[in-house]
PDB file of N, CA and C in Angstrom:
ATOM      1  N   MET A   1      98.303 128.765  93.262  1.00  0.00           N
ATOM      2  CA  MET A   1      98.172 127.468  94.032  1.00  0.00           C
ATOM      3  C   MET A   1      96.129 127.589  94.310  1.00  0.00           C
ATOM      4  N   LYS A   2      96.012 128.522  95.048  1.00  0.00           N
ATOM      5  CA  LYS A   2      94.235 128.088  94.850  1.00  0.00           C
ATOM      6  C   LYS A   2      93.813 127.902  93.363  1.00  0.00           C
ATOM      7  N   ARG A   3      94.097 128.612  92.497  1.00  0.00           N
ATOM      8  CA  ARG A   3      93.423 127.854  91.512  1.00  0.00           C
ATOM      9  C   ARG A   3      93.654 126.732  90.828  1.00  0.00           C
ATOM     10  N   LEU A   4      94.648 126.150  91.715  1.00  0.00           N
ATOM     11  CA  LEU A   4      95.081 124.994  91.243  1.00  0.00           C
ATOM     12  C   LEU A   4      94.101 123.506  91.645  1.00  0.00           C
ATOM     13  N   VAL A   5      93.872 123.918  93.368  1.00  0.00           N
ATOM     14  CA  VAL A   5      92.819 123.510  94.387  1.00  0.00           C
ATOM     15  C   VAL A   5      91.404 123.693  93.628  1.00  0.00           C
ATOM     16  N   ILE A   6      90.977 125.096  93.116  1.00  0.00           N
ATOM     17  CA  ILE A   6      89.431 125.100  92.617  1.00  0.00           C
ATOM     18  C   ILE A   6      89.367 124.293  91.202  1.00  0.00           C
ATOM     19  N   LEU A   7      90.911 124.058  90.468  1.00  0.00           N
ATOM     20  CA  LEU A   7      90.201 123.599  89.223  1.00  0.00           C
ATOM     21  C   LEU A   7      90.023 122.193  89.508  1.00  0.00           C
ATOM     22  N   LEU A   8      91.007 121.982  90.385  1.00  0.00           N
ATOM     23  CA  LEU A   8      91.178 120.414  90.696  1.00  0.00           C
ATOM     24  C   LEU A   8      89.762 119.632  91.362  1.00  0.00           C
ATOM     25  N   VAL A   9      89.435 120.838  92.094  1.00  0.00           N
ATOM     26  CA  VAL A   9      87.855 120.387  92.880  1.00  0.00           C
ATOM     27  C   VAL A   9      86.588 119.940  91.682  1.00  0.00           C
ATOM     28  N   PHE A  10      86.739 121.340  90.984  1.00  0.00           N
ATOM     29  CA  PHE A  10      85.753 121.158  89.843  1.00  0.00           C
ATOM     30  C   PHE A  10      85.459 119.950  88.381  1.00  0.00           C
ATOM     31  N   VAL A  11      87.107 119.715  88.312  1.00  0.00           N
ATOM     32  CA  VAL A  11      87.522 118.901  87.501  1.00  0.00           C
ATOM     33  C   VAL A  11      86.829 117.236  88.380  1.00  0.00           C
ATOM     34  N   SER A  12      87.085 117.304  89.229  1.00  0.00           N
ATOM     35  CA  SER A  12      87.072 115.789  89.752  1.00  0.00           C
ATOM     36  C   SER A  12      85.793 115.446  90.027  1.00  0.00           C
ATOM     37  N   PHE A  13      84.660 116.079  90.295  1.00  0.00           N
ATOM     38  CA  PHE A  13      83.515 116.239  90.410  1.00  0.00           C
ATOM     39  C   PHE A  13      83.002 114.674  89.786  1.00  0.00           C
ATOM     40  N   PRO A  14      82.819 115.101  88.715  1.00  0.00           N
ATOM     41  CA  PRO A  14      82.507 113.554  88.189  1.00  0.00           C
ATOM     42  C   PRO A  14      83.472 112.288  88.547  1.00  0.00           C
ATOM     43  N   ILE A  15      84.393 112.119  88.945  1.00  0.00           N
ATOM     44  CA  ILE A  15      85.029 111.403  89.482  1.00  0.00           C
ATOM     45  C   ILE A  15      84.284 111.096  90.596  1.00  0.00           C
ATOM     46  N   PHE A  16      83.926 112.139  91.392  1.00  0.00           N
ATOM     47  CA  PHE A  16      83.817 111.842  92.908  1.00  0.00           C
ATOM     48  C   PHE A  16      82.422 110.892  92.948  1.00  0.00           C
ATOM     49  N   ALA A  17      81.626 110.612  91.880  1.00  0.00           N
ATOM     50  CA  ALA A  17      80.408 110.116  91.647  1.00  0.00           C
ATOM     51  C   ALA A  17      80.679 108.415  91.572  1.00  0.00           C
ATOM     52  N   GLN A  18      81.875 108.301  91.472  1.00  0.00           N
ATOM     53  CA  GLN A  18      82.588 107.232  90.934  1.00  0.00           C
ATOM     54  C   GLN A  18      83.287 106.245  92.711  1.00  0.00           C
ATOM     55  N   PHE A  19      83.369 107.313  93.284  1.00  0.00           N
ATOM     56  CA  PHE A  19      84.233 106.827  94.540  1.00  0.00           C
ATOM     57  C   PHE A  19      83.707 105.692  95.013  1.00  0.00           C
ATOM     58  N   ARG A  20      84.474 104.776  95.529  1.00  0.00           N
ATOM     59  CA  ARG A  20      84.255 103.651  96.612  1.00  0.00           C
ATOM     60  C   ARG A  20      85.080 104.152  97.896  1.00  0.00           C
ATOM     61  N   THR A  21      84.272 104.599  98.952  1.00  0.00           N
ATOM     62  CA  THR A  21      85.217 104.447 100.272  1.00  0.00           C
ATOM     63  C   THR A  21      85.067 103.651 101.321  1.00  0.00           C
ATOM     64  N   LEU A  22      85.839 103.347 102.417  1.00  0.00           N
ATOM     65  CA  LEU A  22      86.043 102.190 103.269  1.00  0.00           C
ATOM     66  C   LEU A  22      84.885 103.243 104.358  1.00  0.00           C
ATOM     67  N   ASP A  23      83.995 102.142 104.628  1.00  0.00           N
ATOM     68  CA  ASP A  23      83.167 102.867 106.083  1.00  0.00           C
ATOM     69  C   ASP A  23      84.133 103.053 106.906  1.00  0.00           C
ATOM     70  N   TRP A  24      83.860 104.125 107.943  1.00  0.00           N
ATOM     71  CA  TRP A  24      84.594 104.027 109.183  1.00  0.00           C
ATOM     72  C   TRP A  24      85.238 103.358 110.113  1.00  0.00           C
ATOM     73  N   LYS A  25      84.077 102.356 110.576  1.00  0.00           N
ATOM     74  CA  LYS A  25      84.155 101.302 111.397  1.00  0.00           C
ATOM     75  C   LYS A  25      84.834 100.009 110.812  1.00  0.00           C
ATOM     76  N   ASN A  26      84.706 100.152 109.518  1.00  0.00           N
ATOM     77  CA  ASN A  26      85.790  98.642 109.065  1.00  0.00           C
ATOM     78  C   ASN A  26      86.892  98.981 109.053  1.00  0.00           C
ATOM     79  N   ASP A  27      87.406 100.445 108.494  1.00  0.00           N
ATOM     80  CA  ASP A  27      88.507 101.022 108.268  1.00  0.00           C
ATOM     81  C   ASP A  27      89.374 100.924 109.554  1.00  0.00           C
ATOM     82  N   LYS A  28      90.269 100.245 110.095  1.00  0.00           N
ATOM     83  CA  LYS A  28      90.884  99.634 111.253  1.00  0.00           C
ATOM     84  C   LYS A  28      92.008 100.591 111.478  1.00  0.00           C
ATOM     85  N   TRP A  29      92.513 101.370 112.473  1.00  0.00           N
ATOM     86  CA  TRP A  29      93.561 101.806 112.706  1.00  0.00           C
ATOM     87  C   TRP A  29      94.798 101.571 112.388  1.00  0.00           C
ATOM     88  N   ASN A  30      94.870 100.022 113.221  1.00  0.00           N
ATOM     89  CA  ASN A  30      95.883  98.992 113.068  1.00  0.00           C
ATOM     90  C   ASN A  30      95.594  98.416 111.932  1.00  0.00           C
ATOM     91  N   SER A  31      95.367  98.360 110.709  1.00  0.00           N
ATOM     92  CA  SER A  31      95.275  97.657 109.318  1.00  0.00           C
ATOM     93  C   SER A  31      96.596  97.061 109.013  1.00  0.00           C
ATOM     94  N   PRO A  32      96.518  96.004 109.272  1.00  0.00           N
ATOM     95  CA  PRO A  32      98.287  95.641 108.370  1.00  0.00           C
ATOM     96  C   PRO A  32      98.308  95.177 107.117  1.00  0.00           C
ATOM     97  N   ASN A  33      97.745  96.574 106.320  1.00  0.00           N
ATOM     98  CA  ASN A  33      97.921  96.083 104.897  1.00  0.00           C
ATOM     99  C   ASN A  33      98.615  97.194 104.334  1.00  0.00           C
ATOM    100  N   GLY A  34      99.763  97.548 104.976  1.00  0.00           N
ATOM    101  CA  GLY A  34     100.857  98.431 104.517  1.00  0.00           C
ATOM    102  C   GLY A  34     101.811  97.842 103.653  1.00  0.00           C
ATOM    103  N   HIS A  35     102.311  98.294 102.729  1.00  0.00           N
ATOM    104  CA  HIS A  35     103.792  97.811 101.536  1.00  0.00           C
ATOM    105  C   HIS A  35     104.953  97.455 102.017  1.00  0.00           C
ATOM    106  N   PHE A  36     105.162  98.685 103.039  1.00  0.00           N
ATOM    107  CA  PHE A  36     106.866  98.708 103.207  1.00  0.00           C
ATOM    108  C   PHE A  36     106.788  98.118 104.856  1.00  0.00           C
ATOM    109  N   ILE A  37     106.031  98.708 105.338  1.00  0.00           N
ATOM    110  CA  ILE A  37     105.746  98.962 106.834  1.00  0.00           C
ATOM    111  C   ILE A  37     104.072  97.869 107.188  1.00  0.00           C
ATOM    112  N   LYS A  38     103.980  97.448 107.714  1.00  0.00           N
ATOM    113  CA  LYS A  38     103.428  96.609 108.433  1.00  0.00           C
ATOM    114  C   LYS A  38     101.792  97.111 108.377  1.00  0.00           C
ATOM    115  N   TYR A  39     102.089  98.474 109.405  1.00  0.00           N
ATOM    116  CA  TYR A  39     100.555  98.894 109.535  1.00  0.00           C
ATOM    117  C   TYR A  39     100.254 100.252 108.704  1.00  0.00           C
ATOM    118  N   ASP A  40      99.473 100.093 107.740  1.00  0.00           N
ATOM    119  CA  ASP A  40      98.677 101.218 106.927  1.00  0.00           C
ATOM    120  C   ASP A  40      99.143 102.578 107.125  1.00  0.00           C
ATOM    121  N   LYS A  41      98.667 102.982 108.331  1.00  0.00           N
ATOM    122  CA  LYS A  41      98.296 104.342 108.658  1.00  0.00           C
ATOM    123  C   LYS A  41      99.801 104.958 109.197  1.00  0.00           C
ATOM    124  N   ILE A  42     100.678 103.598 109.794  1.00  0.00           N
ATOM    125  CA  ILE A  42     101.919 104.340 109.769  1.00  0.00           C
ATOM    126  C   ILE A  42     102.489 104.381 108.791  1.00  0.00           C
ATOM    127  N   GLU A  43     102.565 103.835 107.904  1.00  0.00           N
ATOM    128  CA  GLU A  43     103.083 104.080 106.456  1.00  0.00           C
ATOM    129  C   GLU A  43     102.707 105.449 105.807  1.00  0.00           C
ATOM    130  N   HIS A  44     101.107 105.344 105.934  1.00  0.00           N
ATOM    131  CA  HIS A  44     100.539 106.806 105.728  1.00  0.00           C
ATOM    132  C   HIS A  44     101.418 108.048 106.221  1.00  0.00           C
ATOM    133  N   CYS A  45     101.393 107.719 107.563  1.00  0.00           N
ATOM    134  CA  CYS A  45     102.260 109.240 108.348  1.00  0.00           C
ATOM    135  C   CYS A  45     104.029 108.998 107.949  1.00  0.00           C
ATOM    136  N   LEU A  46     103.967 108.501 107.873  1.00  0.00           N
ATOM    137  CA  LEU A  46     105.889 108.434 107.630  1.00  0.00           C
ATOM    138  C   LEU A  46     106.058 109.048 106.460  1.00  0.00           C
ATOM    139  N   ALA A  47     105.204 108.457 105.308  1.00  0.00           N
ATOM    140  CA  ALA A  47     105.488 108.835 104.025  1.00  0.00           C
ATOM    141  C   ALA A  47     105.348 110.635 103.787  1.00  0.00           C
ATOM    142  N   SER A  48     104.363 110.545 104.395  1.00  0.00           N
ATOM    143  CA  SER A  48     103.711 112.161 104.173  1.00  0.00           C
ATOM    144  C   SER A  48     104.721 113.133 105.118  1.00  0.00           C
ATOM    145  N   ALA A  49     105.119 112.207 106.237  1.00  0.00           N
ATOM    146  CA  ALA A  49     106.171 113.566 107.072  1.00  0.00           C
ATOM    147  C   ALA A  49     107.311 113.671 105.820  1.00  0.00           C
ATOM    148  N   GLY A  50     107.835 112.643 105.027  1.00  0.00           N
ATOM    149  CA  GLY A  50     109.099 112.840 104.570  1.00  0.00           C
ATOM    150  C   GLY A  50     108.934 113.545 103.429  1.00  0.00           C
ATOM    151  N   LEU A  51     107.658 113.543 102.685  1.00  0.00           N
ATOM    152  CA  LEU A  51     107.216 114.222 101.736  1.00  0.00           C
ATOM    153  C   LEU A  51     107.309 115.776 102.111  1.00  0.00           C
ATOM    154  N   THR A  52     106.790 115.783 103.114  1.00  0.00           N
ATOM    155  CA  THR A  52     106.725 117.550 103.823  1.00  0.00           C
ATOM    156  C   THR A  52     108.193 117.773 104.044  1.00  0.00           C
ATOM    157  N   ILE A  53     108.859 117.190 104.454  1.00  0.00           N
ATOM    158  CA  ILE A  53     110.446 117.713 105.081  1.00  0.00           C
ATOM    159  C   ILE A  53     111.140 117.870 103.392  1.00  0.00           C
ATOM    160  N   SER A  54     110.586 116.939 102.627  1.00  0.00           N
ATOM    161  CA  SER A  54     111.441 117.081 100.915  1.00  0.00           C
ATOM    162  C   SER A  54     110.684 118.252 100.460  1.00  0.00           C
ATOM    163  N   PHE A  55     109.466 118.459 100.759  1.00  0.00           N
ATOM    164  CA  PHE A  55     109.134 119.796  99.352  1.00  0.00           C
ATOM    165  C   PHE A  55     109.492 120.918 100.186  1.00  0.00           C
ATOM    166  N   MET A  56     109.674 120.879 101.583  1.00  0.00           N
ATOM    167  CA  MET A  56     110.150 122.057 102.386  1.00  0.00           C
ATOM    168  C   MET A  56     111.303 122.507 102.234  1.00  0.00           C
ATOM    169  N   ALA A  57     112.146 121.678 101.324  1.00  0.00           N
ATOM    170  CA  ALA A  57     113.646 121.988 101.601  1.00  0.00           C
ATOM    171  C   ALA A  57     113.578 122.626  99.986  1.00  0.00           C
ATOM    172  N   PHE A  58     112.714 122.814  99.244  1.00  0.00           N
ATOM    173  CA  PHE A  58     112.439 123.685  98.404  1.00  0.00           C
ATOM    174  C   PHE A  58     112.138 125.023  98.601  1.00  0.00           C
ATOM    175  N   ASP A  59     110.966 125.010  99.292  1.00  0.00           N
ATOM    176  CA  ASP A  59     110.266 126.130  99.685  1.00  0.00           C
ATOM    177  C   ASP A  59     109.050 125.450 100.889  1.00  0.00           C
ATOM    178  N   GLU A  60     109.701 126.544 102.039  1.00  0.00           N
ATOM    179  CA  GLU A  60     108.941 126.525 102.849  1.00  0.00           C
ATOM    180  C   GLU A  60     107.240 126.123 102.976  1.00  0.00           C
ATOM    181  N   LYS A  61     106.442 126.660 101.819  1.00  0.00           N
ATOM    182  CA  LYS A  61     105.462 126.622 101.806  1.00  0.00           C
ATOM    183  C   LYS A  61     104.875 125.595 100.763  1.00  0.00           C
ATOM    184  N   ASN A  62     105.485 124.637 100.681  1.00  0.00           N
ATOM    185  CA  ASN A  62     105.764 123.660  99.757  1.00  0.00           C
ATOM    186  C   ASN A  62     105.033 122.756 100.793  1.00  0.00           C
ATOM    187  N   TRP A  63     104.635 122.712 102.158  1.00  0.00           N
ATOM    188  CA  TRP A  63     104.168 121.582 103.102  1.00  0.00           C
ATOM    189  C   TRP A  63     102.500 120.816 101.972  1.00  0.00           C
ATOM    190  N   LYS A  64     102.223 122.213 101.761  1.00  0.00           N
ATOM    191  CA  LYS A  64     100.612 121.736 101.100  1.00  0.00           C
ATOM    192  C   LYS A  64     100.729 120.541 100.339  1.00  0.00           C
ATOM    193  N   TYR A  65     101.809 120.548  99.441  1.00  0.00           N
ATOM    194  CA  TYR A  65     101.500 119.559  98.127  1.00  0.00           C
ATOM    195  C   TYR A  65     101.755 118.251  98.606  1.00  0.00           C
ATOM    196  N   ALA A  66     102.386 118.111 100.396  1.00  0.00           N
ATOM    197  CA  ALA A  66     102.552 116.527 100.612  1.00  0.00           C
ATOM    198  C   ALA A  66     101.300 116.419 101.180  1.00  0.00           C
ATOM    199  N   LEU A  67     100.401 117.603 101.708  1.00  0.00           N
ATOM    200  CA  LEU A  67      98.857 117.308 102.226  1.00  0.00           C
ATOM    201  C   LEU A  67      98.241 116.613 100.447  1.00  0.00           C
ATOM    202  N   LEU A  68      98.085 117.666  99.634  1.00  0.00           N
ATOM    203  CA  LEU A  68      97.918 117.378  98.362  1.00  0.00           C
ATOM    204  C   LEU A  68      98.230 115.711  97.509  1.00  0.00           C
ATOM    205  N   SER A  69      98.886 115.575  98.041  1.00  0.00           N
ATOM    206  CA  SER A  69      99.402 114.115  97.314  1.00  0.00           C
ATOM    207  C   SER A  69      99.207 112.900  98.509  1.00  0.00           C
ATOM    208  N   GLY A  70      98.837 113.063  99.496  1.00  0.00           N
ATOM    209  CA  GLY A  70      97.781 111.953 100.132  1.00  0.00           C
ATOM    210  C   GLY A  70      96.774 112.111  99.733  1.00  0.00           C
ATOM    211  N   PHE A  71      96.109 113.653  99.604  1.00  0.00           N
ATOM    212  CA  PHE A  71      94.265 113.306  99.106  1.00  0.00           C
ATOM    213  C   PHE A  71      94.429 112.637  97.566  1.00  0.00           C
ATOM    214  N   LEU A  72      95.240 112.858  96.770  1.00  0.00           N
ATOM    215  CA  LEU A  72      95.357 112.440  95.580  1.00  0.00           C
ATOM    216  C   LEU A  72      95.605 110.816  95.511  1.00  0.00           C
ATOM    217  N   TRP A  73      96.287 110.587  96.672  1.00  0.00           N
ATOM    218  CA  TRP A  73      96.538 109.092  96.633  1.00  0.00           C
ATOM    219  C   TRP A  73      95.263 108.369  97.203  1.00  0.00           C
ATOM    220  N   GLU A  74      94.630 108.773  98.008  1.00  0.00           N
ATOM    221  CA  GLU A  74      93.268 108.451  98.157  1.00  0.00           C
ATOM    222  C   GLU A  74      92.112 108.234  96.915  1.00  0.00           C
ATOM    223  N   VAL A  75      92.224 109.298  96.138  1.00  0.00           N
ATOM    224  CA  VAL A  75      91.759 109.262  95.486  1.00  0.00           C
ATOM    225  C   VAL A  75      91.672 107.873  94.587  1.00  0.00           C
ATOM    226  N   LYS A  76      93.208 107.966  94.296  1.00  0.00           N
ATOM    227  CA  LYS A  76      93.529 107.041  93.506  1.00  0.00           C
ATOM    228  C   LYS A  76      92.938 105.666  94.115  1.00  0.00           C
ATOM    229  N   ASP A  77      92.994 105.398  95.649  1.00  0.00           N
ATOM    230  CA  ASP A  77      92.611 104.129  96.098  1.00  0.00           C
ATOM    231  C   ASP A  77      91.079 103.828  95.850  1.00  0.00           C
ATOM    232  N   SER A  78      90.499 104.816  95.602  1.00  0.00           N
ATOM    233  CA  SER A  78      88.951 105.134  95.375  1.00  0.00           C
ATOM    234  C   SER A  78      88.964 104.565  93.969  1.00  0.00           C
ATOM    235  N   LEU A  79      89.605 104.886  93.197  1.00  0.00           N
ATOM    236  CA  LEU A  79      89.370 104.753  91.791  1.00  0.00           C
ATOM    237  C   LEU A  79      89.554 103.690  91.049  1.00  0.00           C
ATOM    238  N   PHE A  80      90.794 103.161  91.580  1.00  0.00           N
ATOM    239  CA  PHE A  80      91.671 101.780  91.295  1.00  0.00           C
ATOM    240  C   PHE A  80      91.541 100.720  92.255  1.00  0.00           C
ATOM    241  N   PRO A  81      90.257  99.582  91.850  1.00  0.00           N
ATOM    242  CA  PRO A  81      90.701  98.537  92.975  1.00  0.00           C
ATOM    243  C   PRO A  81      91.572  97.769  92.971  1.00  0.00           C
ATOM    244  N   TYR A  82      92.229  97.138  93.982  1.00  0.00           N
ATOM    245  CA  TYR A  82      93.609  96.511  94.266  1.00  0.00           C
ATOM    246  C   TYR A  82      92.585  94.898  93.378  1.00  0.00           C
ATOM    247  N   GLU A  83      91.734  94.734  93.490  1.00  0.00           N
ATOM    248  CA  GLU A  83      91.217  93.282  92.822  1.00  0.00           C
ATOM    249  C   GLU A  83      91.526  93.314  91.401  1.00  0.00           C
ATOM    250  N   LYS A  84      91.726  94.356  90.844  1.00  0.00           N
ATOM    251  CA  LYS A  84      92.238  94.481  89.255  1.00  0.00           C
ATOM    252  C   LYS A  84      93.648  95.086  89.058  1.00  0.00           C
ATOM    253  N   TYR A  85      93.794  96.073  90.121  1.00  0.00           N
ATOM    254  CA  TYR A  85      95.280  96.830  89.403  1.00  0.00           C
ATOM    255  C   TYR A  85      96.305  95.997  90.752  1.00  0.00           C
ATOM    256  N   GLY A  86      96.113  95.420  91.668  1.00  0.00           N
ATOM    257  CA  GLY A  86      97.047  94.568  92.417  1.00  0.00           C
ATOM    258  C   GLY A  86      97.375  95.972  93.140  1.00  0.00           C
ATOM    259  N   GLN A  87      98.713  95.831  93.678  1.00  0.00           N
ATOM    260  CA  GLN A  87      99.207  96.763  94.470  1.00  0.00           C
ATOM    261  C   GLN A  87      99.122  98.236  94.532  1.00  0.00           C
ATOM    262  N   TRP A  88      98.954  98.249  93.430  1.00  0.00           N
ATOM    263  CA  TRP A  88      98.748  99.796  92.567  1.00  0.00           C
ATOM    264  C   TRP A  88      97.394 100.034  92.890  1.00  0.00           C
ATOM    265  N   GLY A  89      96.439  99.110  93.009  1.00  0.00           N
ATOM    266  CA  GLY A  89      95.003  99.648  93.202  1.00  0.00           C
ATOM    267  C   GLY A  89      94.656 100.071  95.231  1.00  0.00           C
ATOM    268  N   GLY A  90      93.732  99.750  95.439  1.00  0.00           N
ATOM    269  CA  GLY A  90      93.567 100.379  96.838  1.00  0.00           C
ATOM    270  C   GLY A  90      91.892  99.932  96.834  1.00  0.00           C
ATOM    271  N   GLU A  91      91.413  99.763  98.532  1.00  0.00           N
ATOM    272  CA  GLU A  91      90.273  99.213  98.656  1.00  0.00           C
ATOM    273  C   GLU A  91      89.326 100.221  98.985  1.00  0.00           C
ATOM    274  N   GLY A  92      89.510 101.536  98.596  1.00  0.00           N
ATOM    275  CA  GLY A  92      88.431 102.388  98.340  1.00  0.00           C
ATOM    276  C   GLY A  92      88.999 103.879  99.475  1.00  0.00           C
ATOM    277  N   PHE A  93      88.510 105.094  99.119  1.00  0.00           N
ATOM    278  CA  PHE A  93      88.897 105.802  99.811  1.00  0.00           C
ATOM    279  C   PHE A  93      88.775 106.050 101.427  1.00  0.00           C
ATOM    280  N   SER A  94      90.089 106.267 102.112  1.00  0.00           N
ATOM    281  CA  SER A  94      89.895 106.169 103.720  1.00  0.00           C
ATOM    282  C   SER A  94      90.353 107.694 104.201  1.00  0.00           C
ATOM    283  N   SER A  95      88.855 107.659 105.586  1.00  0.00           N
ATOM    284  CA  SER A  95      89.191 108.975 105.613  1.00  0.00           C
ATOM    285  C   SER A  95      90.435 108.847 106.822  1.00  0.00           C
ATOM    286  N   LYS A  96      90.558 107.537 107.385  1.00  0.00           N
ATOM    287  CA  LYS A  96      91.644 107.602 108.157  1.00  0.00           C
ATOM    288  C   LYS A  96      92.815 107.565 107.612  1.00  0.00           C
ATOM    289  N   ASP A  97      93.217 107.198 106.728  1.00  0.00           N
ATOM    290  CA  ASP A  97      94.531 107.294 105.866  1.00  0.00           C
ATOM    291  C   ASP A  97      94.485 108.430 105.713  1.00  0.00           C
ATOM    292  N   LEU A  98      93.751 109.225 105.329  1.00  0.00           N
ATOM    293  CA  LEU A  98      93.866 110.847 105.221  1.00  0.00           C
ATOM    294  C   LEU A  98      94.392 111.603 106.486  1.00  0.00           C
ATOM    295  N   ILE A  99      93.675 111.268 107.498  1.00  0.00           N
ATOM    296  CA  ILE A  99      93.993 111.726 108.820  1.00  0.00           C
ATOM    297  C   ILE A  99      95.393 111.358 109.147  1.00  0.00           C
ATOM    298  N   ALA A 100      95.621 109.988 108.992  1.00  0.00           N
ATOM    299  CA  ALA A 100      97.497 109.793 109.373  1.00  0.00           C
ATOM    300  C   ALA A 100      98.138 110.907 108.282  1.00  0.00           C
ATOM    301  N   ASP A 101      97.564 110.840 106.721  1.00  0.00           N
ATOM    302  CA  ASP A 101      98.468 111.856 106.051  1.00  0.00           C
ATOM    303  C   ASP A 101      98.338 113.222 106.825  1.00  0.00           C
ATOM    304  N   MET A 102      97.417 113.746 107.470  1.00  0.00           N
ATOM    305  CA  MET A 102      97.612 115.001 107.842  1.00  0.00           C
ATOM    306  C   MET A 102      98.664 115.180 109.093  1.00  0.00           C
ATOM    307  N   ALA A 103      98.351 114.081 109.770  1.00  0.00           N
ATOM    308  CA  ALA A 103      99.275 113.768 111.014  1.00  0.00           C
ATOM    309  C   ALA A 103     100.950 114.049 110.377  1.00  0.00           C
ATOM    310  N   GLY A 104     101.377 113.099 109.530  1.00  0.00           N
ATOM    311  CA  GLY A 104     102.240 113.163 108.897  1.00  0.00           C
ATOM    312  C   GLY A 104     103.038 114.574 108.409  1.00  0.00           C
ATOM    313  N   VAL A 105     102.241 115.001 107.807  1.00  0.00           N
ATOM    314  CA  VAL A 105     102.771 116.510 107.473  1.00  0.00           C
ATOM    315  C   VAL A 105     102.600 117.543 108.497  1.00  0.00           C
ATOM    316  N   ALA A 106     102.133 117.523 109.825  1.00  0.00           N
ATOM    317  CA  ALA A 106     102.484 118.125 110.764  1.00  0.00           C
ATOM    318  C   ALA A 106     103.779 117.743 111.626  1.00  0.00           C
ATOM    319  N   ILE A 107     104.062 116.214 111.113  1.00  0.00           N
ATOM    320  CA  ILE A 107     104.981 115.873 111.816  1.00  0.00           C
ATOM    321  C   ILE A 107     106.276 116.065 110.972  1.00  0.00           C
ATOM    322  N   GLY A 108     106.317 115.974 109.709  1.00  0.00           N
ATOM    323  CA  GLY A 108     107.081 116.756 108.911  1.00  0.00           C
ATOM    324  C   GLY A 108     107.524 117.962 109.292  1.00  0.00           C
ATOM    325  N   TYR A 109     106.437 119.159 109.183  1.00  0.00           N
ATOM    326  CA  TYR A 109     106.774 120.143 109.539  1.00  0.00           C
ATOM    327  C   TYR A 109     107.277 120.984 110.747  1.00  0.00           C
ATOM    328  N   GLY A 110     107.146 120.056 111.750  1.00  0.00           N
ATOM    329  CA  GLY A 110     107.381 120.234 112.833  1.00  0.00           C
ATOM    330  C   GLY A 110     109.049 119.770 112.945  1.00  0.00           C
ATOM    331  N   ILE A 111     108.982 119.050 112.199  1.00  0.00           N
ATOM    332  CA  ILE A 111     110.878 118.296 112.227  1.00  0.00           C
ATOM    333  C   ILE A 111     111.535 119.395 111.396  1.00  0.00           C
ATOM    334  N   TYR A 112     110.909 119.901 110.275  1.00  0.00           N
ATOM    335  CA  TYR A 112     111.709 120.941 109.282  1.00  0.00           C
ATOM    336  C   TYR A 112     112.400 121.892 110.596  1.00  0.00           C
ATOM    337  N   GLN A 113     110.930 122.466 110.919  1.00  0.00           N
ATOM    338  CA  GLN A 113     111.099 123.847 111.593  1.00  0.00           C
ATOM    339  C   GLN A 113     112.360 123.524 113.212  1.00  0.00           C
ATOM    340  N   GLY A 114     111.970 122.299 113.590  1.00  0.00           N
ATOM    341  CA  GLY A 114     112.627 122.114 114.396  1.00  0.00           C
ATOM    342  C   GLY A 114     114.036 122.242 114.243  1.00  0.00           C
ATOM    343  N   GLY A 115     114.663 121.722 112.922  1.00  0.00           N
ATOM    344  CA  GLY A 115     115.887 121.479 112.424  1.00  0.00           C
ATOM    345  C   GLY A 115     116.149 122.425 112.485  1.00  0.00           C
ATOM    346  N   LYS A 116     115.759 123.584 111.539  1.00  0.00           N
ATOM    347  CA  LYS A 116     116.276 125.071 111.235  1.00  0.00           C
ATOM    348  C   LYS A 116     116.380 125.730 112.299  1.00  0.00           C
ATOM    349  N   TRP A 117     115.306 125.477 113.359  1.00  0.00           N
ATOM    350  CA  TRP A 117     116.031 126.416 114.667  1.00  0.00           C
ATOM    351  C   TRP A 117     117.074 125.843 115.312  1.00  0.00           C
ATOM    352  N   LEU A 118     117.636 124.666 115.500  1.00  0.00           N
ATOM    353  CA  LEU A 118     118.760 123.530 115.980  1.00  0.00           C
ATOM    354  C   LEU A 118     119.762 124.098 115.087  1.00  0.00           C
ATOM    355  N   ILE A 119     119.766 124.249 113.716  1.00  0.00           N
ATOM    356  CA  ILE A 119     120.648 124.568 113.290  1.00  0.00           C
ATOM    357  C   ILE A 119     121.122 126.262 113.683  1.00  0.00           C
ATOM    358  N   LYS A 120     120.219 127.416 113.555  1.00  0.00           N
ATOM    359  CA  LYS A 120     120.638 128.326 113.637  1.00  0.00           C
ATOM    360  C   LYS A 120     120.783 128.705 115.215  1.00  0.00           C
ATOM    361  N   LYS A 121     120.565 128.120 116.342  1.00  0.00           N
ATOM    362  CA  LYS A 121     121.053 127.766 117.680  1.00  0.00           C
ATOM    363  C   LYS A 121     122.531 127.250 117.679  1.00  0.00           C
ATOM    364  N   ILE A 122     122.985 126.492 116.888  1.00  0.00           N
ATOM    365  CA  ILE A 122     124.075 125.541 116.956  1.00  0.00           C
ATOM    366  C   ILE A 122     125.512 126.775 116.663  1.00  0.00           C
ATOM    367  N   PHE A 123     124.735 127.410 115.101  1.00  0.00           N
ATOM    368  CA  PHE A 123     125.824 127.884 114.134  1.00  0.00           C
ATOM    369  C   PHE A 123     125.377 129.445 114.375  1.00  0.00           C
TER     370      PHE A 123
END
């Protein structure tokens, strides 16, 4: 895993030069730009929680992949403008979206561990 992350960081340096980022003050927490749910940040949080639970079902250490997928989604948003690519594009790299992704990973991790604890208590 460490080698993969290091490789991604070094390979992505030329890509980072082309990053489009959203300004912190213009990226609203209650941004109504979601695809499936009205609010974008809630959508990021729920998607990350679901991914975390799904990945952890295979191996408990796989929560990192949910975090990585959130980061890669933001990279995608920064490189592919929605003006050109429609709903598959994005407005730019959003730090607040990434924070919502991290919160979702934490929630998903807690739900998974809590469910595991509850099952042990019941059975």
